[in-house]
N, C-alpha and C. Protein backbone atom coordinates (compact mmCIF):
# COMPACT_ATOMS: atom_id res chain seq x y z
N UNK A 1 -28.42 -29.49 -87.38
CA UNK A 1 -26.99 -29.72 -87.36
C UNK A 1 -26.31 -29.40 -88.70
N UNK A 2 -26.91 -29.73 -89.82
CA UNK A 2 -26.26 -29.42 -91.09
C UNK A 2 -26.02 -27.92 -91.27
N UNK A 3 -26.89 -27.08 -90.75
CA UNK A 3 -26.71 -25.64 -90.91
C UNK A 3 -25.44 -25.15 -90.24
N UNK A 4 -25.11 -25.69 -89.07
CA UNK A 4 -23.90 -25.28 -88.37
C UNK A 4 -22.67 -25.65 -89.19
N UNK A 5 -22.69 -26.82 -89.79
CA UNK A 5 -21.56 -27.27 -90.60
C UNK A 5 -21.39 -26.37 -91.82
N UNK A 6 -22.49 -26.00 -92.44
CA UNK A 6 -22.43 -25.11 -93.60
C UNK A 6 -21.91 -23.74 -93.17
N UNK A 7 -22.35 -23.24 -92.03
CA UNK A 7 -21.88 -21.95 -91.53
C UNK A 7 -20.37 -21.96 -91.33
N UNK A 8 -19.84 -23.05 -90.82
CA UNK A 8 -18.40 -23.16 -90.60
C UNK A 8 -17.67 -23.10 -91.93
N UNK A 9 -18.18 -23.79 -92.91
CA UNK A 9 -17.55 -23.78 -94.24
C UNK A 9 -17.61 -22.37 -94.84
N UNK A 10 -18.74 -21.71 -94.69
CA UNK A 10 -18.88 -20.35 -95.21
C UNK A 10 -17.90 -19.41 -94.50
N UNK A 11 -17.72 -19.59 -93.20
CA UNK A 11 -16.78 -18.75 -92.45
C UNK A 11 -15.34 -18.94 -92.95
N UNK A 12 -14.98 -20.18 -93.26
CA UNK A 12 -13.64 -20.46 -93.77
C UNK A 12 -13.46 -19.79 -95.13
N UNK A 13 -14.46 -19.88 -95.97
CA UNK A 13 -14.39 -19.23 -97.29
C UNK A 13 -14.20 -17.72 -97.12
N UNK A 14 -14.97 -17.13 -96.23
CA UNK A 14 -14.87 -15.68 -96.00
C UNK A 14 -13.50 -15.30 -95.45
N UNK A 15 -12.92 -16.17 -94.63
CA UNK A 15 -11.59 -15.92 -94.08
C UNK A 15 -10.57 -15.81 -95.21
N UNK A 16 -10.65 -16.73 -96.17
CA UNK A 16 -9.70 -16.69 -97.28
C UNK A 16 -9.99 -15.53 -98.22
N UNK A 17 -11.24 -15.16 -98.37
CA UNK A 17 -11.57 -13.98 -99.17
C UNK A 17 -10.95 -12.75 -98.52
N UNK A 18 -11.07 -12.65 -97.21
CA UNK A 18 -10.50 -11.50 -96.50
C UNK A 18 -8.98 -11.47 -96.65
N UNK A 19 -8.33 -12.62 -96.51
CA UNK A 19 -6.88 -12.66 -96.68
C UNK A 19 -6.47 -12.20 -98.07
N UNK A 20 -7.21 -12.65 -99.07
CA UNK A 20 -6.91 -12.26 -100.45
C UNK A 20 -7.12 -10.76 -100.65
N UNK A 21 -8.19 -10.22 -100.08
CA UNK A 21 -8.46 -8.79 -100.22
C UNK A 21 -7.42 -7.95 -99.49
N UNK A 22 -7.04 -8.38 -98.30
CA UNK A 22 -6.07 -7.61 -97.52
C UNK A 22 -4.69 -7.62 -98.17
N UNK A 23 -4.32 -8.73 -98.75
CA UNK A 23 -2.98 -8.85 -99.30
C UNK A 23 -2.89 -8.53 -100.79
N UNK A 24 -4.03 -8.53 -101.47
CA UNK A 24 -4.07 -8.37 -102.93
C UNK A 24 -3.27 -9.46 -103.63
N UNK A 25 -3.23 -10.64 -103.02
CA UNK A 25 -2.49 -11.76 -103.58
C UNK A 25 -3.41 -12.98 -103.66
N UNK A 26 -4.19 -13.02 -104.71
CA UNK A 26 -5.18 -14.09 -104.86
C UNK A 26 -4.49 -15.43 -105.06
N UNK A 27 -3.52 -15.49 -105.94
CA UNK A 27 -2.85 -16.76 -106.23
C UNK A 27 -2.15 -17.33 -104.99
N UNK A 28 -1.44 -16.46 -104.27
CA UNK A 28 -0.73 -16.90 -103.07
C UNK A 28 -1.70 -17.37 -102.00
N UNK A 29 -2.79 -16.64 -101.82
CA UNK A 29 -3.80 -17.03 -100.83
C UNK A 29 -4.44 -18.35 -101.22
N UNK A 30 -4.76 -18.51 -102.50
CA UNK A 30 -5.37 -19.76 -102.96
C UNK A 30 -4.42 -20.93 -102.72
N UNK A 31 -3.16 -20.73 -103.01
CA UNK A 31 -2.17 -21.79 -102.82
C UNK A 31 -2.07 -22.18 -101.34
N UNK A 32 -2.05 -21.17 -100.46
CA UNK A 32 -1.96 -21.47 -99.02
C UNK A 32 -3.22 -22.16 -98.52
N UNK A 33 -4.35 -21.91 -99.18
CA UNK A 33 -5.61 -22.56 -98.79
C UNK A 33 -5.75 -23.94 -99.41
N UNK A 34 -4.89 -24.25 -100.38
CA UNK A 34 -4.97 -25.55 -101.04
C UNK A 34 -6.10 -25.64 -102.05
N UNK A 35 -6.45 -24.48 -102.64
CA UNK A 35 -7.52 -24.45 -103.63
C UNK A 35 -7.00 -23.76 -104.89
N UNK A 36 -7.77 -23.86 -105.97
CA UNK A 36 -7.35 -23.21 -107.21
C UNK A 36 -7.66 -21.72 -107.14
N UNK A 37 -6.95 -20.97 -107.97
CA UNK A 37 -7.17 -19.52 -108.05
C UNK A 37 -8.60 -19.25 -108.50
N UNK A 38 -9.11 -20.07 -109.41
CA UNK A 38 -10.48 -19.88 -109.90
C UNK A 38 -11.51 -20.07 -108.79
N UNK A 39 -11.26 -21.04 -107.92
CA UNK A 39 -12.18 -21.27 -106.80
C UNK A 39 -12.19 -20.06 -105.88
N UNK A 40 -11.01 -19.56 -105.54
CA UNK A 40 -10.94 -18.39 -104.67
C UNK A 40 -11.58 -17.17 -105.34
N UNK A 41 -11.37 -17.01 -106.62
CA UNK A 41 -11.99 -15.90 -107.35
C UNK A 41 -13.51 -16.00 -107.29
N UNK A 42 -14.03 -17.20 -107.38
CA UNK A 42 -15.48 -17.42 -107.28
C UNK A 42 -15.97 -17.05 -105.89
N UNK A 43 -15.22 -17.44 -104.85
CA UNK A 43 -15.58 -17.10 -103.47
C UNK A 43 -15.56 -15.57 -103.30
N UNK A 44 -14.57 -14.93 -103.89
CA UNK A 44 -14.48 -13.47 -103.78
C UNK A 44 -15.71 -12.83 -104.40
N UNK A 45 -16.12 -13.32 -105.56
CA UNK A 45 -17.30 -12.73 -106.18
C UNK A 45 -18.55 -12.96 -105.34
N UNK A 46 -18.58 -14.06 -104.58
CA UNK A 46 -19.74 -14.37 -103.74
C UNK A 46 -19.75 -13.54 -102.46
N UNK A 47 -18.60 -13.35 -101.84
CA UNK A 47 -18.53 -12.79 -100.49
C UNK A 47 -17.84 -11.43 -100.37
N UNK A 48 -17.33 -10.89 -101.46
CA UNK A 48 -16.54 -9.67 -101.38
C UNK A 48 -17.28 -8.52 -100.71
N UNK A 49 -18.49 -8.28 -101.09
CA UNK A 49 -19.24 -7.15 -100.52
C UNK A 49 -19.41 -7.31 -99.01
N UNK A 50 -19.79 -8.51 -98.59
CA UNK A 50 -19.99 -8.77 -97.16
C UNK A 50 -18.69 -8.63 -96.37
N UNK A 51 -17.61 -9.18 -96.92
CA UNK A 51 -16.32 -9.12 -96.25
C UNK A 51 -15.81 -7.68 -96.18
N UNK A 52 -15.96 -6.94 -97.27
CA UNK A 52 -15.54 -5.54 -97.26
C UNK A 52 -16.34 -4.72 -96.26
N UNK A 53 -17.64 -5.01 -96.13
CA UNK A 53 -18.47 -4.32 -95.14
C UNK A 53 -17.96 -4.60 -93.73
N UNK A 54 -17.61 -5.85 -93.45
CA UNK A 54 -17.07 -6.21 -92.14
C UNK A 54 -15.75 -5.48 -91.89
N UNK A 55 -14.91 -5.44 -92.92
CA UNK A 55 -13.62 -4.77 -92.77
C UNK A 55 -13.80 -3.28 -92.56
N UNK A 56 -14.75 -2.68 -93.27
CA UNK A 56 -15.04 -1.26 -93.07
C UNK A 56 -15.51 -0.99 -91.65
N UNK A 57 -16.36 -1.88 -91.13
CA UNK A 57 -16.87 -1.74 -89.77
C UNK A 57 -15.74 -1.81 -88.74
N UNK A 58 -14.69 -2.58 -89.07
CA UNK A 58 -13.54 -2.73 -88.18
C UNK A 58 -12.49 -1.64 -88.43
N UNK A 59 -12.70 -0.85 -89.45
CA UNK A 59 -11.74 0.21 -89.77
C UNK A 59 -10.55 -0.28 -90.56
N UNK A 60 -10.66 -1.46 -91.17
CA UNK A 60 -9.57 -2.02 -91.96
C UNK A 60 -9.75 -1.57 -93.40
N UNK A 61 -8.70 -0.99 -93.96
CA UNK A 61 -8.76 -0.54 -95.34
C UNK A 61 -8.03 -1.52 -96.23
N UNK A 62 -8.57 -1.70 -97.44
CA UNK A 62 -7.97 -2.61 -98.40
C UNK A 62 -7.22 -1.78 -99.43
N UNK A 63 -5.98 -2.15 -99.67
CA UNK A 63 -5.19 -1.45 -100.66
C UNK A 63 -5.58 -1.90 -102.06
N UNK A 64 -5.49 -0.99 -103.00
CA UNK A 64 -5.71 -1.32 -104.39
C UNK A 64 -4.51 -2.13 -104.87
N UNK A 65 -4.64 -2.84 -106.01
CA UNK A 65 -3.49 -3.60 -106.51
C UNK A 65 -2.25 -2.73 -106.71
N UNK A 66 -2.42 -1.48 -107.11
CA UNK A 66 -1.30 -0.54 -107.26
C UNK A 66 -1.56 0.66 -106.36
N UNK A 67 -1.32 0.50 -105.05
CA UNK A 67 -1.64 1.60 -104.12
C UNK A 67 -0.74 2.81 -104.36
N UNK A 68 -1.29 3.97 -104.12
CA UNK A 68 -0.50 5.20 -104.25
C UNK A 68 0.40 5.35 -103.02
N UNK A 69 1.34 6.25 -103.14
CA UNK A 69 2.24 6.51 -102.01
C UNK A 69 1.45 6.98 -100.79
N UNK A 70 0.45 7.81 -101.04
CA UNK A 70 -0.37 8.34 -99.95
C UNK A 70 -1.11 7.20 -99.23
N UNK A 71 -1.65 6.25 -99.99
CA UNK A 71 -2.34 5.11 -99.38
C UNK A 71 -1.38 4.26 -98.57
N UNK A 72 -0.18 4.05 -99.10
CA UNK A 72 0.83 3.27 -98.37
C UNK A 72 1.24 3.99 -97.09
N UNK A 73 1.40 5.30 -97.16
CA UNK A 73 1.76 6.06 -95.97
C UNK A 73 0.66 6.00 -94.91
N UNK A 74 -0.59 6.06 -95.35
CA UNK A 74 -1.71 5.97 -94.42
C UNK A 74 -1.73 4.60 -93.74
N UNK A 75 -1.53 3.53 -94.52
CA UNK A 75 -1.49 2.17 -93.97
C UNK A 75 -0.33 2.05 -92.97
N UNK A 76 0.81 2.64 -93.31
CA UNK A 76 1.98 2.61 -92.44
C UNK A 76 1.67 3.31 -91.11
N UNK A 77 1.05 4.47 -91.19
CA UNK A 77 0.70 5.21 -89.98
C UNK A 77 -0.25 4.41 -89.10
N UNK A 78 -1.23 3.74 -89.71
CA UNK A 78 -2.16 2.91 -88.95
C UNK A 78 -1.41 1.77 -88.26
N UNK A 79 -0.49 1.15 -88.99
CA UNK A 79 0.28 0.04 -88.42
C UNK A 79 1.15 0.53 -87.27
N UNK A 80 1.78 1.69 -87.42
CA UNK A 80 2.62 2.23 -86.36
C UNK A 80 1.80 2.58 -85.13
N UNK A 81 0.60 3.09 -85.33
CA UNK A 81 -0.27 3.42 -84.21
C UNK A 81 -0.64 2.15 -83.43
N UNK A 82 -1.00 1.10 -84.17
CA UNK A 82 -1.33 -0.18 -83.52
C UNK A 82 -0.13 -0.74 -82.79
N UNK A 83 1.04 -0.65 -83.41
CA UNK A 83 2.26 -1.14 -82.77
C UNK A 83 2.53 -0.38 -81.48
N UNK A 84 2.37 0.93 -81.53
CA UNK A 84 2.58 1.74 -80.33
C UNK A 84 1.62 1.37 -79.21
N UNK A 85 0.36 1.13 -79.57
CA UNK A 85 -0.62 0.72 -78.56
C UNK A 85 -0.24 -0.61 -77.94
N UNK A 86 0.22 -1.54 -78.76
CA UNK A 86 0.61 -2.86 -78.24
C UNK A 86 1.85 -2.76 -77.36
N UNK A 87 2.80 -1.92 -77.75
CA UNK A 87 4.00 -1.73 -76.92
C UNK A 87 3.64 -1.13 -75.57
N UNK A 88 2.72 -0.18 -75.57
CA UNK A 88 2.26 0.41 -74.31
C UNK A 88 1.57 -0.63 -73.44
N UNK A 89 0.76 -1.45 -74.07
CA UNK A 89 0.06 -2.51 -73.33
C UNK A 89 1.06 -3.49 -72.71
N UNK A 90 2.07 -3.88 -73.46
CA UNK A 90 3.09 -4.79 -72.93
C UNK A 90 3.84 -4.14 -71.77
N UNK A 91 4.18 -2.87 -71.92
CA UNK A 91 4.89 -2.16 -70.84
C UNK A 91 4.04 -2.10 -69.58
N UNK A 92 2.76 -1.84 -69.73
CA UNK A 92 1.86 -1.79 -68.57
C UNK A 92 1.75 -3.15 -67.90
N UNK A 93 1.68 -4.20 -68.70
CA UNK A 93 1.60 -5.55 -68.13
C UNK A 93 2.89 -5.92 -67.40
N UNK A 94 4.02 -5.55 -67.96
CA UNK A 94 5.31 -5.82 -67.30
C UNK A 94 5.39 -5.08 -65.96
N UNK A 95 4.93 -3.84 -65.96
CA UNK A 95 4.94 -3.04 -64.72
C UNK A 95 4.03 -3.67 -63.67
N UNK A 96 2.86 -4.15 -64.12
CA UNK A 96 1.94 -4.80 -63.18
C UNK A 96 2.56 -6.08 -62.62
N UNK A 97 3.28 -6.83 -63.43
CA UNK A 97 3.94 -8.03 -62.94
C UNK A 97 5.03 -7.70 -61.92
N UNK A 98 5.76 -6.63 -62.16
CA UNK A 98 6.82 -6.23 -61.23
C UNK A 98 6.21 -5.89 -59.86
N UNK A 99 5.08 -5.19 -59.88
CA UNK A 99 4.43 -4.79 -58.63
C UNK A 99 3.85 -5.97 -57.88
N UNK A 100 3.29 -6.93 -58.60
CA UNK A 100 2.62 -8.07 -57.98
C UNK A 100 3.55 -9.25 -57.75
N UNK A 101 4.74 -9.19 -58.30
CA UNK A 101 5.70 -10.29 -58.14
C UNK A 101 5.34 -11.46 -59.04
N UNK A 102 6.23 -12.45 -59.08
CA UNK A 102 5.98 -13.62 -59.93
C UNK A 102 4.81 -14.43 -59.44
N UNK A 103 4.18 -15.11 -60.39
CA UNK A 103 3.03 -15.94 -60.04
C UNK A 103 3.52 -17.16 -59.40
């Protein structure tokens, strides 16, 4: 039983590491987590490689603290593609509801 509890704590730490990496805002992420910046920095040093590997596997790219215009444009294009896919999905679901009538 103790191992499951430790795993949950480790997962929470990794979640905040990922948020900090994705946003490049360590202080803001630490504040929202209710921990010190130093604590989050320590977690990042512990889990950064693992979290970045997971993000790479998911196709999520992390921006540098000072991203170039090209990197920002690439991130924007990815976001627009995802938005388009979600809009298509919503449209298809609405169409299916119209055909099947209200529940």
